[in-house]
Amino acid sequence: MEEKFSPSQACAAFAAGLRYEDIPDKVLDLIKRDLLDWAGCAIKGSRDRSSQPIRSVKTLLGGAPQAGVFGDPALTDMRTAATENGYFGHIFEMDDVDRESISHPATVVMPPALAAAQYLGRSGRDILTAIVAGFEVMLRIGAAVTPAHYKIFHTTSTTGVFGAAASAGRILKLPPERMLWALGNAGTLACGLWQFNPDGAMSKFIHAGGAAGNGLWVALLAQNGFSGASHILEGPQGFFAGFARQEVNMDLFRDFGKRWRAGTVSFKPYPCCRHTHSAIDAALEIRRQLLQQPGDRIARLTARTYGTALSIAGKTCPKTGRDAKFSLSYCIASAILRGTPAEASFSQQATQDPELRALLERITVIDDPKLDACVPHNWPSRIEAVTESGRELTAQVQAPKGDPENEISWAECETKFRTMTLDILTDKQQDAVIAYAKGFDGVADFSRENLFRLANG
């Protein structure tokens, strides 16, 4: 009798058996760009005041000097390093995103791989292989439960812990059985609720950091003989039973090595929720049209979007910069009035600008069933506006800047990195980190020369 297909075992077998030579060059190139992109996000996050709580706790608890953290020349233990770097990478809402799973893989998968690799002296190729293994596992699990799961749970956290366990387990060279244990215990630790969002609370940072740190922890436990569930995904009391909230397509786990999800993640050019980005690109086009007749102003504007964007980024009257990053109407108004969004667009002063507040009152955001039908393959937006002179302006964006169909090049990625690390790194440090990321597959020993030493000086 043929044994029933097990997604859990498929994930473990792939993560344990993946070889660098198996990975397409295009996927490796994207992961190196993503490594630079995430490093820029984490370096900037490490200097933000939001990083202080976790820094204070690290100082209080202490840790063996094993791995590096951005913004601190002192080493700490691997788990703390993974947790902090994951936390830092998510502070500014500039890290990567995967559309089908609605998650941010880099900031949960990369930190545990880097922490373990620094302690063990692994190569750049080892790390790239581990990152790809983590992406492939995490993004399949996320796609299997999205979009219903995402209405309650933050996928970056709940499925990120699986990706973190897979990447760390690959660095630790876990055999399939112990990789399965690591994934089994990752599932037991899966967590992350959206209830923080109405309060504008900081929980999102520990969603990323916690998943990264816990993934490394369960991989280390598995290495030391700690067993875990062998059917954590599909079991009657497993992850899908408890978290999916929809029918799960098990075929998503049958195409490992054929479809490379790690090669289709998107990059974020704007420092706000990715669900606002197609609306921002459409708003920038409306701005271009509006400026063709100087002095003409928006009388009313309707933004059409998809349901998930409205549920996560539907704040209509943001009071803080953090709220503004999750407000479609604010992002649209800011783009029309100021142009391309930057971090300064979300300052407290910027959110209280009287002209912007007046425009907000003329903006309506609605859920459009036609755009909903495009999700998750695309996250589109359409804007229809009427000016005071009676002109009708329209713009629709199917794939915002940074999506695979509208990708960010190496040059654009480098520019973003320099912008993110401006006034933090010297020009020489920026050049060194960029060159290091580009040649990452040639790194012989990550314990000797690594991103943290280059960035921390």
Protein backbone atom coordinates (compact mmCIF):
# COMPACT_ATOMS: atom_id res chain seq x y z
CA MET A 1 0.00 0.00 0.00
CA GLU A 2 1.43 3.38 -1.03
CA GLU A 3 2.19 5.68 1.89
CA LYS A 4 0.11 8.86 1.96
CA PHE A 5 1.98 11.95 0.72
CA SER A 6 3.38 14.06 3.57
CA PRO A 7 4.08 17.77 3.01
CA SER A 8 6.03 17.80 6.28
CA GLN A 9 8.40 15.11 5.09
CA ALA A 10 8.67 16.70 1.63
CA CYS A 11 9.82 19.97 3.26
CA ALA A 12 12.35 18.20 5.47
CA ALA A 13 13.76 16.08 2.66
CA PHE A 14 14.19 19.08 0.38
CA ALA A 15 15.79 21.30 3.02
CA ALA A 16 18.21 18.58 4.14
CA GLY A 17 19.15 17.46 0.65
CA LEU A 18 19.41 20.73 -1.31
CA ARG A 19 22.80 21.36 -2.92
CA TYR A 20 24.21 24.67 -4.12
CA GLU A 21 24.64 23.16 -7.60
CA ASP A 22 20.89 22.46 -7.77
CA ILE A 23 19.91 26.12 -7.53
CA PRO A 24 19.41 28.09 -10.79
CA ASP A 25 21.76 31.03 -11.33
CA LYS A 26 18.83 33.45 -11.58
CA VAL A 27 17.61 32.41 -8.13
CA LEU A 28 21.08 32.80 -6.62
CA ASP A 29 21.39 36.27 -8.16
CA LEU A 30 18.07 37.35 -6.66
CA ILE A 31 18.99 35.98 -3.23
CA LYS A 32 22.27 37.95 -3.27
CA ARG A 33 20.34 41.10 -4.16
CA ASP A 34 17.90 40.27 -1.38
CA LEU A 35 20.77 39.79 1.07
CA LEU A 36 22.02 43.31 0.29
CA ASP A 37 18.47 44.65 0.45
CA TRP A 38 17.81 43.03 3.84
CA ALA A 39 21.20 44.17 5.20
CA GLY A 40 20.32 47.78 4.37
CA CYS A 41 16.97 47.41 6.15
CA ALA A 42 18.53 45.82 9.22
CA ILE A 43 21.42 48.29 9.45
CA LYS A 44 18.98 51.21 9.39
CA GLY A 45 16.64 49.45 11.81
CA SER A 46 19.49 48.79 14.23
CA ARG A 47 19.99 52.55 14.67
CA ASP A 48 16.32 53.39 15.14
CA ARG A 49 14.92 54.08 18.59
CA SER A 50 12.58 51.11 18.12
CA SER A 51 15.64 48.88 18.44
CA GLN A 52 16.28 49.99 22.02
CA PRO A 53 13.92 47.60 23.89
CA ILE A 54 15.48 44.46 22.45
CA ARG A 55 19.00 45.86 22.92
CA SER A 56 18.25 46.54 26.59
CA VAL A 57 16.93 43.03 27.10
CA LYS A 58 20.03 41.55 25.43
CA THR A 59 22.27 43.51 27.79
CA LEU A 60 20.22 42.31 30.76
CA LEU A 61 20.29 38.64 29.75
CA GLY A 62 23.79 38.43 28.29
CA GLY A 63 24.94 35.70 25.92
CA ALA A 64 27.95 33.73 24.74
CA PRO A 65 30.02 35.64 22.10
CA GLN A 66 29.14 33.59 19.01
CA ALA A 67 27.62 35.78 16.28
CA GLY A 68 27.31 39.37 15.11
CA VAL A 69 24.49 41.88 15.29
CA PHE A 70 24.15 45.05 13.22
CA GLY A 71 24.88 48.20 15.21
CA ASP A 72 26.92 46.49 17.94
CA PRO A 73 30.59 45.47 17.67
CA ALA A 74 30.20 42.89 20.45
CA LEU A 75 29.19 39.32 19.62
CA THR A 76 26.25 37.60 21.29
CA ASP A 77 24.82 34.09 21.30
CA MET A 78 23.46 32.72 18.03
CA ARG A 79 19.82 32.73 19.03
CA THR A 80 19.91 36.32 20.28
CA ALA A 81 21.80 37.43 17.16
CA ALA A 82 19.18 35.84 14.90
CA THR A 83 16.38 37.39 16.95
CA GLU A 84 17.86 40.89 16.96
CA ASN A 85 18.80 40.97 13.30
CA GLY A 86 15.37 39.66 12.32
CA TYR A 87 13.72 42.32 14.49
CA PHE A 88 15.90 45.10 13.04
CA GLY A 89 15.20 44.09 9.45
CA HIS A 90 11.46 44.60 9.85
CA ILE A 91 11.39 47.97 11.62
CA PHE A 92 11.21 50.23 8.57
CA GLU A 93 8.80 48.16 6.42
CA MET A 94 11.36 48.09 3.60
CA ASP A 95 12.20 44.38 3.52
CA ASP A 96 11.21 41.97 0.75
CA VAL A 97 7.77 40.41 0.29
CA ASP A 98 6.32 37.30 -1.34
CA ARG A 99 2.91 37.82 -2.90
CA GLU A 100 1.41 34.32 -2.75
CA SER A 101 2.23 33.77 0.91
CA ILE A 102 1.91 37.47 1.87
CA SER A 103 5.09 37.27 3.91
CA HIS A 104 8.56 38.75 4.33
CA PRO A 105 11.02 35.87 4.05
CA ALA A 106 14.45 37.52 4.22
CA THR A 107 14.21 38.92 7.73
CA VAL A 108 13.25 35.56 9.25
CA VAL A 109 15.27 33.16 7.06
CA MET A 110 18.56 35.03 6.66
CA PRO A 111 19.43 35.93 10.30
CA PRO A 112 19.48 32.34 11.67
CA ALA A 113 21.51 31.09 8.70
CA LEU A 114 24.03 33.92 9.14
CA ALA A 115 24.28 33.48 12.91
CA ALA A 116 24.91 29.74 12.74
CA ALA A 117 27.25 30.14 9.76
CA GLN A 118 29.36 32.73 11.59
CA TYR A 119 29.73 30.49 14.62
CA LEU A 120 30.56 27.42 12.53
CA GLY A 121 32.66 29.12 9.84
CA ARG A 122 30.49 28.11 6.88
CA SER A 123 31.00 29.39 3.33
CA GLY A 124 28.94 31.82 1.29
CA ARG A 125 27.69 28.93 -0.82
CA ASP A 126 26.57 27.10 2.31
CA ILE A 127 24.65 30.18 3.43
CA LEU A 128 23.01 30.80 0.05
CA THR A 129 21.90 27.15 -0.06
CA ALA A 130 20.46 27.42 3.44
CA ILE A 131 18.61 30.63 2.61
CA VAL A 132 17.07 29.13 -0.52
CA ALA A 133 16.02 26.04 1.47
CA GLY A 134 14.34 28.26 4.05
CA PHE A 135 12.58 30.41 1.43
CA GLU A 136 11.27 27.37 -0.45
CA VAL A 137 9.84 25.78 2.70
CA MET A 138 8.41 28.96 4.21
CA LEU A 139 6.82 30.28 1.04
CA ARG A 140 5.07 27.01 0.23
CA ILE A 141 3.59 26.75 3.70
CA GLY A 142 2.50 30.38 3.49
CA ALA A 143 0.91 29.97 0.07
CA ALA A 144 -0.96 26.91 1.33
CA VAL A 145 -2.78 28.84 4.06
CA THR A 146 -3.17 32.28 2.44
CA PRO A 147 -5.33 34.35 2.20
CA ALA A 148 -7.70 33.13 4.94
CA HIS A 149 -4.86 32.62 7.44
CA TYR A 150 -3.61 36.18 6.89
CA LYS A 151 -6.82 37.75 8.11
CA ILE A 152 -5.91 36.72 11.68
CA PHE A 153 -2.26 35.62 11.60
CA HIS A 154 0.89 37.42 10.47
CA THR A 155 2.33 34.91 7.99
CA THR A 156 5.87 36.25 8.33
CA SER A 157 5.81 34.98 11.89
CA THR A 158 3.66 31.86 11.70
CA THR A 159 5.31 30.37 8.61
CA GLY A 160 8.60 32.22 9.02
CA VAL A 161 9.59 30.00 11.93
CA PHE A 162 9.50 27.02 9.53
CA GLY A 163 11.76 28.84 7.07
CA ALA A 164 14.11 29.84 9.86
CA ALA A 165 14.30 26.25 11.12
CA ALA A 166 15.01 24.99 7.59
CA SER A 167 17.78 27.54 6.94
CA ALA A 168 19.42 26.97 10.32
CA GLY A 169 19.03 23.20 9.99
CA ARG A 170 20.75 23.32 6.59
CA ILE A 171 23.71 25.22 8.08
CA LEU A 172 23.86 22.63 10.88
CA LYS A 173 23.76 19.88 8.21
CA LEU A 174 20.82 18.12 9.83
CA PRO A 175 19.88 14.80 8.20
CA PRO A 176 16.24 14.47 6.99
CA GLU A 177 14.92 12.93 10.22
CA ARG A 178 16.34 15.67 12.42
CA MET A 179 15.31 18.36 9.94
CA LEU A 180 11.80 16.94 10.30
CA TRP A 181 12.10 17.25 14.09
CA ALA A 182 13.20 20.88 13.73
CA LEU A 183 10.21 21.66 11.49
CA GLY A 184 7.91 19.78 13.87
CA ASN A 185 8.96 21.94 16.78
CA ALA A 186 8.92 25.07 14.64
CA GLY A 187 5.23 24.40 14.01
CA THR A 188 4.61 24.04 17.72
CA LEU A 189 6.11 27.51 18.24
CA ALA A 190 4.27 29.16 15.30
CA CYS A 191 2.53 32.35 16.41
CA GLY A 192 1.80 35.94 15.39
CA LEU A 193 -1.57 37.74 15.62
CA TRP A 194 -2.59 40.91 13.80
CA GLN A 195 -4.41 42.33 16.83
CA PHE A 196 -1.47 44.69 17.48
CA ASN A 197 -2.25 46.61 14.30
CA PRO A 198 -5.26 48.68 15.47
CA ASP A 199 -3.13 49.93 18.37
CA GLY A 200 -0.11 50.73 16.19
CA ALA A 201 1.92 48.57 18.59
CA MET A 202 5.45 47.25 18.00
CA SER A 203 4.59 43.53 17.95
CA LYS A 204 5.44 43.15 14.26
CA PHE A 205 9.15 43.46 15.07
CA ILE A 206 9.12 40.53 17.50
CA HIS A 207 7.04 38.55 15.01
CA ALA A 208 10.05 38.61 12.70
CA GLY A 209 12.73 38.40 15.37
CA GLY A 210 10.96 35.69 17.34
CA ALA A 211 10.48 33.50 14.28
CA ALA A 212 14.16 33.89 13.33
CA GLY A 213 15.44 33.10 16.81
CA ASN A 214 13.02 30.25 17.49
CA GLY A 215 13.84 28.64 14.14
CA LEU A 216 17.51 28.51 15.05
CA TRP A 217 16.69 27.24 18.53
CA VAL A 218 14.62 24.26 17.36
CA ALA A 219 17.29 23.38 14.77
CA LEU A 220 19.92 23.32 17.52
CA LEU A 221 17.62 21.22 19.69
CA ALA A 222 17.11 18.75 16.84
CA GLN A 223 20.87 18.54 16.34
CA ASN A 224 21.13 17.53 19.98
CA GLY A 225 18.50 14.77 19.76
CA PHE A 226 15.31 16.65 20.65
CA SER A 227 12.50 15.02 18.66
CA GLY A 228 9.49 16.73 17.11
CA ALA A 229 6.24 15.95 15.30
CA SER A 230 6.72 14.03 12.06
CA HIS A 231 3.46 15.33 10.53
CA ILE A 232 3.37 18.87 11.87
CA LEU A 233 1.74 20.35 8.76
CA GLU A 234 -0.88 17.79 7.73
CA GLY A 235 -1.54 15.99 11.03
CA PRO A 236 -5.05 16.13 12.56
CA GLN A 237 -3.71 18.38 15.34
CA GLY A 238 -1.09 20.06 13.20
CA PHE A 239 -0.47 23.45 11.62
CA PHE A 240 -3.01 23.22 8.80
CA ALA A 241 -5.74 21.95 11.13
CA GLY A 242 -5.17 24.82 13.54
CA PHE A 243 -4.11 27.71 11.33
CA ALA A 244 -5.21 27.25 7.70
CA ARG A 245 -8.85 28.42 7.92
CA GLN A 246 -9.24 27.26 4.30
CA GLU A 247 -8.80 24.14 2.19
CA VAL A 248 -5.12 23.39 1.68
CA ASN A 249 -3.68 22.45 -1.71
CA MET A 250 -1.15 19.72 -0.90
CA ASP A 251 0.17 19.83 -4.47
CA LEU A 252 2.10 22.98 -3.52
CA PHE A 253 4.60 20.65 -1.85
CA ARG A 254 5.11 18.36 -4.83
CA ASP A 255 7.15 20.75 -7.01
CA PHE A 256 10.28 21.28 -4.93
CA GLY A 257 13.21 21.75 -7.29
CA LYS A 258 10.89 22.47 -10.23
CA ARG A 259 9.33 25.76 -9.22
CA TRP A 260 11.71 28.06 -7.34
CA ARG A 261 9.66 30.40 -5.18
CA ALA A 262 12.85 31.98 -3.85
CA GLY A 263 13.31 33.47 -7.31
CA THR A 264 10.00 35.34 -7.37
CA VAL A 265 10.04 37.54 -4.27
CA SER A 266 9.42 41.26 -4.56
CA PHE A 267 11.49 44.20 -3.31
CA LYS A 268 10.05 47.30 -1.66
CA PRO A 269 11.10 50.72 -2.97
CA TYR A 270 8.91 52.62 -0.46
CA PRO A 271 9.13 52.52 3.39
CA CYS A 272 5.56 51.42 4.05
CA CYS A 273 3.28 48.39 3.87
CA ARG A 274 3.66 46.57 0.53
CA HIS A 275 -0.13 46.53 0.17
CA THR A 276 0.08 50.29 -0.46
CA HIS A 277 2.70 50.13 -3.21
CA SER A 278 0.54 49.60 -6.29
CA ALA A 279 -1.66 52.46 -5.06
CA ILE A 280 1.44 54.62 -4.60
CA ASP A 281 2.63 53.88 -8.14
CA ALA A 282 -0.86 54.75 -9.44
CA ALA A 283 -0.86 57.94 -7.34
CA LEU A 284 2.50 58.96 -8.78
CA GLU A 285 0.97 58.63 -12.26
CA ILE A 286 -2.01 60.76 -11.14
CA ARG A 287 0.49 63.34 -9.85
CA ARG A 288 2.20 63.38 -13.25
CA GLN A 289 -1.13 63.97 -14.99
CA LEU A 290 -2.15 66.60 -12.45
CA LEU A 291 1.05 68.61 -12.94
CA GLN A 292 0.32 68.95 -16.66
CA GLN A 293 -2.11 71.70 -15.63
CA PRO A 294 -0.44 73.59 -12.75
CA GLY A 295 -2.78 74.90 -10.09
CA ASP A 296 -5.47 72.30 -10.74
CA ARG A 297 -6.29 70.27 -7.61
CA ILE A 298 -8.03 67.01 -6.79
CA ALA A 299 -11.72 67.51 -6.04
CA ARG A 300 -12.44 63.85 -5.29
CA LEU A 301 -10.58 60.58 -5.66
CA THR A 302 -11.60 56.93 -5.52
CA ALA A 303 -8.94 54.30 -5.00
CA ARG A 304 -9.91 50.74 -5.90
CA THR A 305 -7.96 47.97 -4.23
CA TYR A 306 -8.29 44.36 -3.03
CA GLY A 307 -9.74 43.18 0.26
CA THR A 308 -6.51 42.20 2.01
CA ALA A 309 -4.97 45.60 1.35
CA LEU A 310 -8.02 47.29 2.81
CA SER A 311 -8.02 45.08 5.91
CA ILE A 312 -4.32 45.65 6.67
CA ALA A 313 -3.75 49.16 5.30
CA GLY A 314 -7.21 50.65 5.62
CA LYS A 315 -6.51 53.31 8.24
CA THR A 316 -8.33 56.45 7.08
CA CYS A 317 -7.07 59.07 9.55
CA PRO A 318 -3.60 58.06 10.74
CA LYS A 319 -2.37 59.87 13.83
CA THR A 320 1.26 58.68 13.76
CA GLY A 321 3.89 57.88 11.18
CA ARG A 322 3.52 54.20 12.04
CA ASP A 323 -0.22 54.39 11.33
CA ALA A 324 0.49 56.25 8.09
CA LYS A 325 2.60 53.37 6.81
CA PHE A 326 -0.53 51.24 7.01
CA SER A 327 -2.87 53.77 5.42
CA LEU A 328 -3.66 53.51 1.71
CA SER A 329 -5.38 56.89 1.71
CA TYR A 330 -2.40 58.59 3.40
CA CYS A 331 0.12 56.99 1.05
CA ILE A 332 -1.93 58.07 -1.97
CA ALA A 333 -2.30 61.64 -0.70
CA SER A 334 1.39 61.89 0.17
CA ALA A 335 2.49 60.58 -3.24
CA ILE A 336 0.21 63.02 -5.06
CA LEU A 337 1.38 66.02 -3.05
CA ARG A 338 5.05 65.17 -2.46
CA GLY A 339 6.08 62.61 -5.05
CA THR A 340 8.06 59.43 -4.34
CA PRO A 341 7.67 58.42 -0.66
CA ALA A 342 10.70 58.51 1.63
CA GLU A 343 11.05 57.92 5.37
CA ALA A 344 10.51 61.65 5.92
CA SER A 345 7.05 61.25 4.36
CA PHE A 346 6.05 59.34 7.50
CA SER A 347 7.38 61.69 10.16
CA GLN A 348 5.00 62.99 12.80
CA GLN A 349 5.15 66.44 11.22
CA ALA A 350 4.39 65.03 7.77
CA THR A 351 1.28 63.21 8.98
CA GLN A 352 -0.16 66.46 10.39
CA ASP A 353 0.37 68.55 7.25
CA PRO A 354 -2.87 70.59 6.73
CA GLU A 355 -2.80 70.28 2.92
CA LEU A 356 -2.44 66.51 3.15
CA ARG A 357 -5.21 66.29 5.77
CA ALA A 358 -7.51 68.24 3.48
CA LEU A 359 -6.80 65.86 0.58
CA LEU A 360 -7.41 62.84 2.80
CA GLU A 361 -11.00 64.00 3.27
CA ARG A 362 -11.53 63.82 -0.49
CA ILE A 363 -10.21 60.24 -0.85
CA THR A 364 -12.37 57.12 -0.75
CA VAL A 365 -10.83 53.63 -0.79
CA ILE A 366 -13.00 50.69 -1.83
CA ASP A 367 -12.65 46.94 -2.26
CA ASP A 368 -13.01 46.08 -5.95
CA PRO A 369 -14.02 42.46 -6.72
CA LYS A 370 -12.23 42.62 -10.10
CA LEU A 371 -8.97 43.47 -8.38
CA ASP A 372 -9.62 40.87 -5.67
CA ALA A 373 -9.70 38.25 -8.43
CA CYS A 374 -6.07 39.08 -9.30
CA VAL A 375 -4.78 38.22 -5.82
CA PRO A 376 -2.44 36.55 -4.86
CA HIS A 377 -0.63 36.54 -8.23
CA ASN A 378 -0.83 40.34 -8.39
CA TRP A 379 -1.63 43.06 -5.84
CA PRO A 380 -3.16 45.74 -8.09
CA SER A 381 -4.74 49.16 -7.55
CA ARG A 382 -6.72 51.61 -9.65
CA ILE A 383 -7.25 55.32 -9.00
CA GLU A 384 -10.00 57.45 -10.52
CA ALA A 385 -9.87 61.16 -9.75
CA VAL A 386 -11.71 64.31 -10.78
CA THR A 387 -10.02 67.70 -10.54
CA GLU A 388 -11.54 71.05 -9.61
CA SER A 389 -11.47 72.01 -13.31
CA GLY A 390 -13.42 68.85 -14.17
CA ARG A 391 -10.58 66.78 -15.63
CA GLU A 392 -10.89 63.02 -15.16
CA LEU A 393 -7.62 61.28 -14.27
CA THR A 394 -7.12 57.52 -14.08
CA ALA A 395 -4.22 55.17 -13.40
CA GLN A 396 -4.04 51.42 -12.82
CA VAL A 397 -1.02 49.41 -11.67
CA GLN A 398 -0.99 45.64 -11.88
CA ALA A 399 2.62 44.98 -10.80
CA PRO A 400 4.18 47.72 -8.66
CA LYS A 401 7.88 48.52 -8.83
CA GLY A 402 9.87 45.70 -7.25
CA ASP A 403 7.65 42.81 -8.39
CA PRO A 404 9.24 40.11 -10.59
CA GLU A 405 7.45 41.59 -13.62
CA ASN A 406 8.81 45.03 -12.74
CA GLU A 407 11.97 44.09 -10.89
CA ILE A 408 14.63 46.14 -9.17
CA SER A 409 18.05 45.79 -10.81
CA TRP A 410 21.39 45.46 -9.03
CA ALA A 411 22.01 49.16 -9.64
CA GLU A 412 18.64 50.10 -8.12
CA CYS A 413 19.25 47.72 -5.22
CA GLU A 414 22.61 49.37 -4.57
CA THR A 415 21.00 52.82 -4.63
CA LYS A 416 18.39 51.71 -2.12
CA PHE A 417 21.12 50.27 0.12
CA ARG A 418 23.07 53.52 0.03
CA THR A 419 19.92 55.46 0.84
CA MET A 420 19.04 53.16 3.75
CA THR A 421 22.55 53.40 5.24
CA LEU A 422 23.14 57.10 4.56
CA ASP A 423 24.81 58.78 7.57
CA ILE A 424 25.31 55.33 9.15
CA LEU A 425 28.02 53.78 6.97
CA THR A 426 30.88 55.59 5.27
CA ASP A 427 31.13 55.47 1.48
CA LYS A 428 33.97 52.96 1.89
CA GLN A 429 31.83 50.72 4.10
CA GLN A 430 28.92 50.90 1.66
CA ASP A 431 31.21 49.93 -1.22
CA ALA A 432 32.61 47.03 0.81
CA VAL A 433 29.19 45.63 1.77
CA ILE A 434 27.88 45.90 -1.80
CA ALA A 435 30.96 44.13 -3.20
CA TYR A 436 30.68 41.48 -0.48
CA ALA A 437 27.04 40.76 -1.36
CA LYS A 438 27.78 40.59 -5.08
CA GLY A 439 30.59 38.10 -4.51
CA PHE A 440 28.89 36.26 -1.67
CA ASP A 441 29.20 32.85 -3.31
CA GLY A 442 32.98 33.29 -3.14
CA VAL A 443 33.11 33.79 0.64
CA ALA A 444 35.22 30.97 2.10
CA ASP A 445 34.61 31.42 5.83
CA PHE A 446 31.85 33.65 7.20
CA SER A 447 33.43 33.67 10.65
CA ARG A 448 36.46 35.59 9.37
CA GLU A 449 35.03 38.38 7.25
CA ASN A 450 31.31 39.00 7.35
CA LEU A 451 28.58 41.57 6.86
CA PHE A 452 28.50 42.55 10.53
CA ARG A 453 32.20 43.39 10.73
CA LEU A 454 32.02 45.35 7.50
CA ALA A 455 28.99 47.33 8.65
CA ASN A 456 29.97 47.82 12.29
CA GLY A 457 33.48 49.07 11.49
